[in-house]
Structures are given as structure tokens and as C-alpha cells.
PDB file of N, CA and C in Angstrom:
ATOM      1  N   MET A   1     152.466 116.616  -0.723  1.00  0.00           N
ATOM      2  CA  MET A   1     152.753 117.441  -1.606  1.00  0.00           C
ATOM      3  C   MET A   1     152.315 117.231  -3.118  1.00  0.00           C
ATOM      4  N   GLN A   2     152.764 115.840  -3.210  1.00  0.00           N
ATOM      5  CA  GLN A   2     151.460 115.255  -4.271  1.00  0.00           C
ATOM      6  C   GLN A   2     150.489 116.084  -5.079  1.00  0.00           C
ATOM      7  N   THR A   3     149.635 115.934  -3.800  1.00  0.00           N
ATOM      8  CA  THR A   3     148.281 116.623  -3.614  1.00  0.00           C
ATOM      9  C   THR A   3     147.754 118.180  -4.064  1.00  0.00           C
ATOM     10  N   PHE A   4     149.242 118.780  -3.829  1.00  0.00           N
ATOM     11  CA  PHE A   4     149.113 119.681  -4.103  1.00  0.00           C
ATOM     12  C   PHE A   4     149.804 120.102  -5.258  1.00  0.00           C
ATOM     13  N   LEU A   5     150.219 118.983  -6.018  1.00  0.00           N
ATOM     14  CA  LEU A   5     151.062 119.773  -7.527  1.00  0.00           C
ATOM     15  C   LEU A   5     149.891 118.607  -8.271  1.00  0.00           C
ATOM     16  N   VAL A   6     149.074 118.022  -7.699  1.00  0.00           N
ATOM     17  CA  VAL A   6     148.151 117.272  -8.753  1.00  0.00           C
ATOM     18  C   VAL A   6     146.485 118.015  -8.858  1.00  0.00           C
ATOM     19  N   ILE A   7     146.563 119.450  -8.029  1.00  0.00           N
ATOM     20  CA  ILE A   7     145.965 120.072  -7.798  1.00  0.00           C
ATOM     21  C   ILE A   7     145.792 121.210  -9.027  1.00  0.00           C
ATOM     22  N   LEU A   8     147.342 121.309  -8.530  1.00  0.00           N
ATOM     23  CA  LEU A   8     147.510 122.860  -9.955  1.00  0.00           C
ATOM     24  C   LEU A   8     147.802 122.321 -11.270  1.00  0.00           C
ATOM     25  N   LEU A   9     147.636 120.627 -11.724  1.00  0.00           N
ATOM     26  CA  LEU A   9     148.133 119.967 -12.890  1.00  0.00           C
ATOM     27  C   LEU A   9     146.746 120.262 -13.358  1.00  0.00           C
ATOM     28  N   ILE A  10     145.692 119.711 -12.263  1.00  0.00           N
ATOM     29  CA  ILE A  10     143.832 119.746 -12.639  1.00  0.00           C
ATOM     30  C   ILE A  10     144.048 121.075 -13.266  1.00  0.00           C
ATOM     31  N   ALA A  11     144.457 122.438 -12.645  1.00  0.00           N
ATOM     32  CA  ALA A  11     143.898 123.875 -12.785  1.00  0.00           C
ATOM     33  C   ALA A  11     144.767 124.078 -13.954  1.00  0.00           C
ATOM     34  N   ALA A  12     145.658 123.546 -14.291  1.00  0.00           N
ATOM     35  CA  ALA A  12     146.583 123.861 -15.340  1.00  0.00           C
ATOM     36  C   ALA A  12     146.016 123.203 -16.609  1.00  0.00           C
ATOM     37  N   LEU A  13     145.291 122.337 -16.809  1.00  0.00           N
ATOM     38  CA  LEU A  13     144.499 121.555 -17.736  1.00  0.00           C
ATOM     39  C   LEU A  13     143.381 122.168 -18.128  1.00  0.00           C
ATOM     40  N   ILE A  14     142.409 122.186 -16.677  1.00  0.00           N
ATOM     41  CA  ILE A  14     141.419 123.742 -16.828  1.00  0.00           C
ATOM     42  C   ILE A  14     141.837 124.622 -17.995  1.00  0.00           C
ATOM     43  N   ALA A  15     142.521 125.822 -17.447  1.00  0.00           N
ATOM     44  CA  ALA A  15     143.148 126.868 -18.216  1.00  0.00           C
ATOM     45  C   ALA A  15     143.311 126.079 -19.120  1.00  0.00           C
ATOM     46  N   THR A  16     143.912 125.206 -20.012  1.00  0.00           N
ATOM     47  CA  THR A  16     144.477 124.967 -21.390  1.00  0.00           C
ATOM     48  C   THR A  16     143.524 124.848 -21.946  1.00  0.00           C
ATOM     49  N   LEU A  17     142.763 124.457 -21.137  1.00  0.00           N
ATOM     50  CA  LEU A  17     141.412 123.939 -22.506  1.00  0.00           C
ATOM     51  C   LEU A  17     140.205 124.660 -22.375  1.00  0.00           C
ATOM     52  N   VAL A  18     140.110 125.961 -21.125  1.00  0.00           N
ATOM     53  CA  VAL A  18     139.224 127.185 -21.409  1.00  0.00           C
ATOM     54  C   VAL A  18     140.082 128.386 -22.528  1.00  0.00           C
ATOM     55  N   ALA A  19     141.778 128.232 -22.409  1.00  0.00           N
ATOM     56  CA  ALA A  19     142.190 129.272 -23.449  1.00  0.00           C
ATOM     57  C   ALA A  19     142.113 128.749 -24.677  1.00  0.00           C
ATOM     58  N   LEU A  20     141.754 126.889 -24.840  1.00  0.00           N
ATOM     59  CA  LEU A  20     141.922 126.467 -25.991  1.00  0.00           C
ATOM     60  C   LEU A  20     140.299 126.785 -27.316  1.00  0.00           C
ATOM     61  N   VAL A  21     139.111 126.950 -25.855  1.00  0.00           N
ATOM     62  CA  VAL A  21     137.853 127.242 -26.195  1.00  0.00           C
ATOM     63  C   VAL A  21     137.862 128.427 -27.056  1.00  0.00           C
ATOM     64  N   ARG A  22     138.421 129.002 -26.383  1.00  0.00           N
ATOM     65  CA  ARG A  22     138.473 131.051 -26.370  1.00  0.00           C
ATOM     66  C   ARG A  22     139.283 131.010 -27.865  1.00  0.00           C
ATOM     67  N   GLY A  23     140.027 130.332 -27.662  1.00  0.00           N
ATOM     68  CA  GLY A  23     141.011 130.961 -28.964  1.00  0.00           C
ATOM     69  C   GLY A  23     140.428 130.545 -30.480  1.00  0.00           C
ATOM     70  N   ILE A  24     139.784 128.817 -30.353  1.00  0.00           N
ATOM     71  CA  ILE A  24     138.930 128.326 -31.751  1.00  0.00           C
ATOM     72  C   ILE A  24     137.675 129.200 -31.664  1.00  0.00           C
ATOM     73  N   VAL A  25     137.004 129.538 -30.824  1.00  0.00           N
ATOM     74  CA  VAL A  25     135.934 130.969 -30.782  1.00  0.00           C
ATOM     75  C   VAL A  25     136.637 132.079 -31.602  1.00  0.00           C
ATOM     76  N   ALA A  26     137.451 132.701 -30.843  1.00  0.00           N
ATOM     77  CA  ALA A  26     137.797 133.864 -31.417  1.00  0.00           C
ATOM     78  C   ALA A  26     138.507 133.665 -32.832  1.00  0.00           C
ATOM     79  N   PHE A  27     138.971 132.364 -33.556  1.00  0.00           N
ATOM     80  CA  PHE A  27     139.140 132.295 -34.625  1.00  0.00           C
ATOM     81  C   PHE A  27     137.448 132.004 -35.282  1.00  0.00           C
ATOM     82  N   LEU A  28     136.864 131.340 -35.461  1.00  0.00           N
ATOM     83  CA  LEU A  28     135.850 131.369 -36.004  1.00  0.00           C
ATOM     84  C   LEU A  28     134.936 132.390 -35.925  1.00  0.00           C
ATOM     85  N   GLN A  29     134.802 133.199 -34.834  1.00  0.00           N
ATOM     86  CA  GLN A  29     134.552 134.373 -35.361  1.00  0.00           C
ATOM     87  C   GLN A  29     135.031 135.424 -36.367  1.00  0.00           C
ATOM     88  N   ASN A  30     136.457 135.719 -36.442  1.00  0.00           N
ATOM     89  CA  ASN A  30     136.825 136.069 -37.185  1.00  0.00           C
ATOM     90  C   ASN A  30     136.650 135.405 -38.921  1.00  0.00           C
ATOM     91  N   ALA A  31     136.852 133.971 -39.003  1.00  0.00           N
ATOM     92  CA  ALA A  31     136.718 133.520 -40.582  1.00  0.00           C
ATOM     93  C   ALA A  31     135.594 134.318 -40.575  1.00  0.00           C
ATOM     94  N   SER A  32     134.308 133.831 -39.804  1.00  0.00           N
ATOM     95  CA  SER A  32     133.071 134.493 -40.176  1.00  0.00           C
ATOM     96  C   SER A  32     133.478 135.332 -41.172  1.00  0.00           C
ATOM     97  N   ALA A  33     133.892 136.990 -39.717  1.00  0.00           N
ATOM     98  CA  ALA A  33     133.894 137.843 -40.490  1.00  0.00           C
ATOM     99  C   ALA A  33     134.469 138.455 -41.972  1.00  0.00           C
ATOM    100  N   GLU A  34     135.767 137.589 -42.135  1.00  0.00           N
ATOM    101  CA  GLU A  34     136.030 137.177 -43.493  1.00  0.00           C
ATOM    102  C   GLU A  34     135.634 136.678 -44.462  1.00  0.00           C
ATOM    103  N   ALA A  35     134.974 135.983 -44.132  1.00  0.00           N
ATOM    104  CA  ALA A  35     133.908 135.203 -45.154  1.00  0.00           C
ATOM    105  C   ALA A  35     132.825 135.880 -45.712  1.00  0.00           C
ATOM    106  N   ARG A  36     132.355 137.141 -44.851  1.00  0.00           N
ATOM    107  CA  ARG A  36     131.452 138.043 -45.437  1.00  0.00           C
ATOM    108  C   ARG A  36     132.194 139.074 -46.015  1.00  0.00           C
ATOM    109  N   GLY A  37     133.784 139.278 -45.910  1.00  0.00           N
ATOM    110  CA  GLY A  37     134.128 140.270 -46.890  1.00  0.00           C
ATOM    111  C   GLY A  37     134.330 141.678 -45.882  1.00  0.00           C
ATOM    112  N   THR A  38     134.542 141.280 -44.904  1.00  0.00           N
ATOM    113  CA  THR A  38     134.079 142.446 -44.310  1.00  0.00           C
ATOM    114  C   THR A  38     136.274 142.394 -43.279  1.00  0.00           C
ATOM    115  N   GLY A  39     136.859 142.186 -44.442  1.00  0.00           N
ATOM    116  CA  GLY A  39     138.294 141.795 -43.931  1.00  0.00           C
ATOM    117  C   GLY A  39     139.301 143.429 -44.297  1.00  0.00           C
ATOM    118  N   THR A  40     140.334 144.141 -43.251  1.00  0.00           N
ATOM    119  CA  THR A  40     140.812 144.752 -43.445  1.00  0.00           C
ATOM    120  C   THR A  40     141.894 144.651 -43.696  1.00  0.00           C
ATOM    121  N   ALA A  41     142.954 145.322 -44.065  1.00  0.00           N
ATOM    122  CA  ALA A  41     144.248 145.931 -44.119  1.00  0.00           C
ATOM    123  C   ALA A  41     145.086 145.442 -42.819  1.00  0.00           C
ATOM    124  N   GLY A  42     145.813 144.901 -42.530  1.00  0.00           N
ATOM    125  CA  GLY A  42     146.556 143.863 -41.168  1.00  0.00           C
ATOM    126  C   GLY A  42     146.034 143.488 -40.501  1.00  0.00           C
ATOM    127  N   PRO A  43     145.820 142.967 -39.094  1.00  0.00           N
ATOM    128  CA  PRO A  43     145.707 142.575 -38.295  1.00  0.00           C
ATOM    129  C   PRO A  43     144.203 142.958 -37.879  1.00  0.00           C
ATOM    130  N   THR A  44     143.150 142.087 -37.341  1.00  0.00           N
ATOM    131  CA  THR A  44     142.176 142.393 -36.759  1.00  0.00           C
ATOM    132  C   THR A  44     141.890 142.501 -35.057  1.00  0.00           C
ATOM    133  N   GLN A  45     141.197 142.911 -34.682  1.00  0.00           N
ATOM    134  CA  GLN A  45     140.832 142.787 -33.305  1.00  0.00           C
ATOM    135  C   GLN A  45     140.600 140.799 -32.625  1.00  0.00           C
ATOM    136  N   GLY A  46     140.040 140.653 -33.410  1.00  0.00           N
ATOM    137  CA  GLY A  46     139.787 138.511 -33.814  1.00  0.00           C
ATOM    138  C   GLY A  46     141.121 138.197 -33.559  1.00  0.00           C
ATOM    139  N   GLN A  47     141.548 138.582 -34.645  1.00  0.00           N
ATOM    140  CA  GLN A  47     142.658 137.602 -35.103  1.00  0.00           C
ATOM    141  C   GLN A  47     143.951 137.893 -34.173  1.00  0.00           C
ATOM    142  N   LEU A  48     144.161 139.420 -33.326  1.00  0.00           N
ATOM    143  CA  LEU A  48     144.656 138.998 -32.469  1.00  0.00           C
ATOM    144  C   LEU A  48     144.397 138.576 -30.748  1.00  0.00           C
ATOM    145  N   LYS A  49     143.088 138.296 -30.584  1.00  0.00           N
ATOM    146  CA  LYS A  49     142.718 137.885 -29.783  1.00  0.00           C
ATOM    147  C   LYS A  49     142.917 136.522 -29.435  1.00  0.00           C
ATOM    148  N   SER A  50     142.522 135.935 -30.968  1.00  0.00           N
ATOM    149  CA  SER A  50     143.102 134.645 -31.470  1.00  0.00           C
ATOM    150  C   SER A  50     144.613 134.115 -30.796  1.00  0.00           C
ATOM    151  N   ASN A  51     145.265 135.145 -31.328  1.00  0.00           N
ATOM    152  CA  ASN A  51     146.540 134.327 -31.545  1.00  0.00           C
ATOM    153  C   ASN A  51     147.076 135.066 -30.114  1.00  0.00           C
ATOM    154  N   LYS A  52     146.144 135.582 -29.061  1.00  0.00           N
ATOM    155  CA  LYS A  52     146.873 135.801 -27.857  1.00  0.00           C
ATOM    156  C   LYS A  52     146.134 134.583 -27.052  1.00  0.00           C
ATOM    157  N   MET A  53     144.930 133.944 -26.949  1.00  0.00           N
ATOM    158  CA  MET A  53     144.667 132.719 -26.699  1.00  0.00           C
ATOM    159  C   MET A  53     145.464 131.558 -26.853  1.00  0.00           C
ATOM    160  N   MET A  54     145.652 131.405 -28.202  1.00  0.00           N
ATOM    161  CA  MET A  54     146.756 130.634 -28.690  1.00  0.00           C
ATOM    162  C   MET A  54     148.428 130.367 -27.538  1.00  0.00           C
ATOM    163  N   GLN A  55     148.208 131.427 -27.929  1.00  0.00           N
ATOM    164  CA  GLN A  55     149.678 131.240 -27.380  1.00  0.00           C
ATOM    165  C   GLN A  55     149.552 131.224 -25.697  1.00  0.00           C
ATOM    166  N   GLN A  56     148.205 131.801 -24.549  1.00  0.00           N
ATOM    167  CA  GLN A  56     148.287 131.277 -23.301  1.00  0.00           C
ATOM    168  C   GLN A  56     147.978 129.644 -23.192  1.00  0.00           C
ATOM    169  N   ARG A  57     147.513 128.999 -24.348  1.00  0.00           N
ATOM    170  CA  ARG A  57     147.498 127.496 -24.230  1.00  0.00           C
ATOM    171  C   ARG A  57     148.590 127.180 -24.690  1.00  0.00           C
ATOM    172  N   ILE A  58     149.359 127.971 -25.357  1.00  0.00           N
ATOM    173  CA  ILE A  58     151.171 127.261 -24.936  1.00  0.00           C
ATOM    174  C   ILE A  58     151.212 127.532 -23.596  1.00  0.00           C
ATOM    175  N   LEU A  59     151.398 128.309 -23.399  1.00  0.00           N
ATOM    176  CA  LEU A  59     151.826 128.444 -21.894  1.00  0.00           C
ATOM    177  C   LEU A  59     151.341 127.036 -20.391  1.00  0.00           C
ATOM    178  N   PHE A  60     150.386 127.295 -20.842  1.00  0.00           N
ATOM    179  CA  PHE A  60     149.193 126.284 -19.657  1.00  0.00           C
ATOM    180  C   PHE A  60     150.127 124.702 -20.155  1.00  0.00           C
ATOM    181  N   GLN A  61     150.068 124.736 -21.600  1.00  0.00           N
ATOM    182  CA  GLN A  61     150.457 123.311 -21.732  1.00  0.00           C
ATOM    183  C   GLN A  61     152.004 122.630 -21.236  1.00  0.00           C
ATOM    184  N   GLY A  62     152.683 123.649 -21.874  1.00  0.00           N
ATOM    185  CA  GLY A  62     153.904 123.614 -21.071  1.00  0.00           C
ATOM    186  C   GLY A  62     154.093 123.399 -19.545  1.00  0.00           C
ATOM    187  N   LEU A  63     153.587 124.255 -18.872  1.00  0.00           N
ATOM    188  CA  LEU A  63     153.103 124.434 -17.197  1.00  0.00           C
ATOM    189  C   LEU A  63     152.741 123.056 -16.544  1.00  0.00           C
ATOM    190  N   ALA A  64     151.402 122.423 -17.618  1.00  0.00           N
ATOM    191  CA  ALA A  64     151.036 121.661 -16.817  1.00  0.00           C
ATOM    192  C   ALA A  64     152.189 120.540 -16.886  1.00  0.00           C
ATOM    193  N   VAL A  65     153.045 120.147 -18.441  1.00  0.00           N
ATOM    194  CA  VAL A  65     154.212 119.159 -18.790  1.00  0.00           C
ATOM    195  C   VAL A  65     154.861 119.504 -17.567  1.00  0.00           C
ATOM    196  N   ILE A  66     155.910 120.335 -17.364  1.00  0.00           N
ATOM    197  CA  ILE A  66     156.259 120.710 -16.320  1.00  0.00           C
ATOM    198  C   ILE A  66     155.821 119.814 -14.919  1.00  0.00           C
ATOM    199  N   ILE A  67     154.644 120.402 -14.397  1.00  0.00           N
ATOM    200  CA  ILE A  67     153.745 120.175 -13.385  1.00  0.00           C
ATOM    201  C   ILE A  67     153.742 118.498 -13.554  1.00  0.00           C
ATOM    202  N   VAL A  68     153.774 117.767 -14.176  1.00  0.00           N
ATOM    203  CA  VAL A  68     153.873 115.903 -14.475  1.00  0.00           C
ATOM    204  C   VAL A  68     154.919 115.462 -14.899  1.00  0.00           C
ATOM    205  N   VAL A  69     156.253 116.320 -14.550  1.00  0.00           N
ATOM    206  CA  VAL A  69     157.696 115.687 -15.086  1.00  0.00           C
ATOM    207  C   VAL A  69     157.772 115.541 -13.353  1.00  0.00           C
ATOM    208  N   VAL A  70     157.570 116.969 -12.611  1.00  0.00           N
ATOM    209  CA  VAL A  70     158.041 117.051 -11.151  1.00  0.00           C
ATOM    210  C   VAL A  70     157.230 115.779 -10.470  1.00  0.00           C
ATOM    211  N   LEU A  71     155.642 115.615 -10.860  1.00  0.00           N
ATOM    212  CA  LEU A  71     155.013 114.220 -10.196  1.00  0.00           C
ATOM    213  C   LEU A  71     155.972 113.000 -10.497  1.00  0.00           C
ATOM    214  N   LEU A  72     156.233 112.782 -11.448  1.00  0.00           N
ATOM    215  CA  LEU A  72     156.795 111.890 -11.723  1.00  0.00           C
ATOM    216  C   LEU A  72     158.090 111.691 -11.593  1.00  0.00           C
ATOM    217  N   PHE A  73     159.184 112.627 -11.150  1.00  0.00           N
ATOM    218  CA  PHE A  73     160.394 112.580 -10.404  1.00  0.00           C
ATOM    219  C   PHE A  73     159.728 112.258  -8.848  1.00  0.00           C
ATOM    220  N   ALA A  74     158.527 112.964  -8.443  1.00  0.00           N
ATOM    221  CA  ALA A  74     158.659 112.661  -7.096  1.00  0.00           C
ATOM    222  C   ALA A  74     158.483 111.331  -7.090  1.00  0.00           C
ATOM    223  N   ALA A  75     157.379 110.526  -7.481  1.00  0.00           N
ATOM    224  CA  ALA A  75     157.165 109.269  -7.220  1.00  0.00           C
ATOM    225  C   ALA A  75     158.156 108.178  -7.470  1.00  0.00           C
ATOM    226  N   GLY A  76     159.198 108.574  -8.455  1.00  0.00           N
ATOM    227  CA  GLY A  76     159.987 107.531  -8.776  1.00  0.00           C
ATOM    228  C   GLY A  76     161.302 107.692  -7.129  1.00  0.00           C
ATOM    229  N   ARG A  77     160.925 108.223  -6.562  1.00  0.00           N
ATOM    230  CA  ARG A  77     162.175 109.072  -5.384  1.00  0.00           C
ATOM    231  C   ARG A  77     161.013 108.377  -4.668  1.00  0.00           C
ATOM    232  N   THR A  78     160.381 108.000  -4.357  1.00  0.00           N
ATOM    233  CA  THR A  78     159.778 106.943  -2.801  1.00  0.00           C
ATOM    234  C   THR A  78     159.614 105.571  -2.686  1.00  0.00           C
TER     235      THR A  78
END
């Protein structure tokens, strides 16, 4: 059971890292477009993508924290 949870934890950590990197890349692309003066009224596709990726990062981080809590709880019971 603990091996399964450790594998899930590693997967959640990798997913968090991927979402973080994708969110930062989308943010930087959007920032460079704004610096060039190509901004429009309302949110752009880049802003929406960056926001979505950061929301996914928070979701994956929460999942990783829950897995760590379950692992610690299981380790304390043995």
C-alpha cells in the first residue's frame, strides 16, 4: 500500500512541476506580447492558459499534500 502511495506521490509531484513550467512559459509569452504592445481588451488566450495551468498546479499540489498526510498517517499506525 505504501509503495502505491509513494508512486502516486511521485506522479503528483511530476504533474505539479509540469503544470508549473507550462504556466510560467505561458505567462512569459503573454508578458512578452504585452511588452511589444499587442495587448487587447479583456483576457487573451495566453492569459487564460496561464491561469488554467496555475490552477492545475494548485490542484496537483493539494493532491500531493493529501498523499503525504495519508503516508504519514499510515507510517504512524505501523
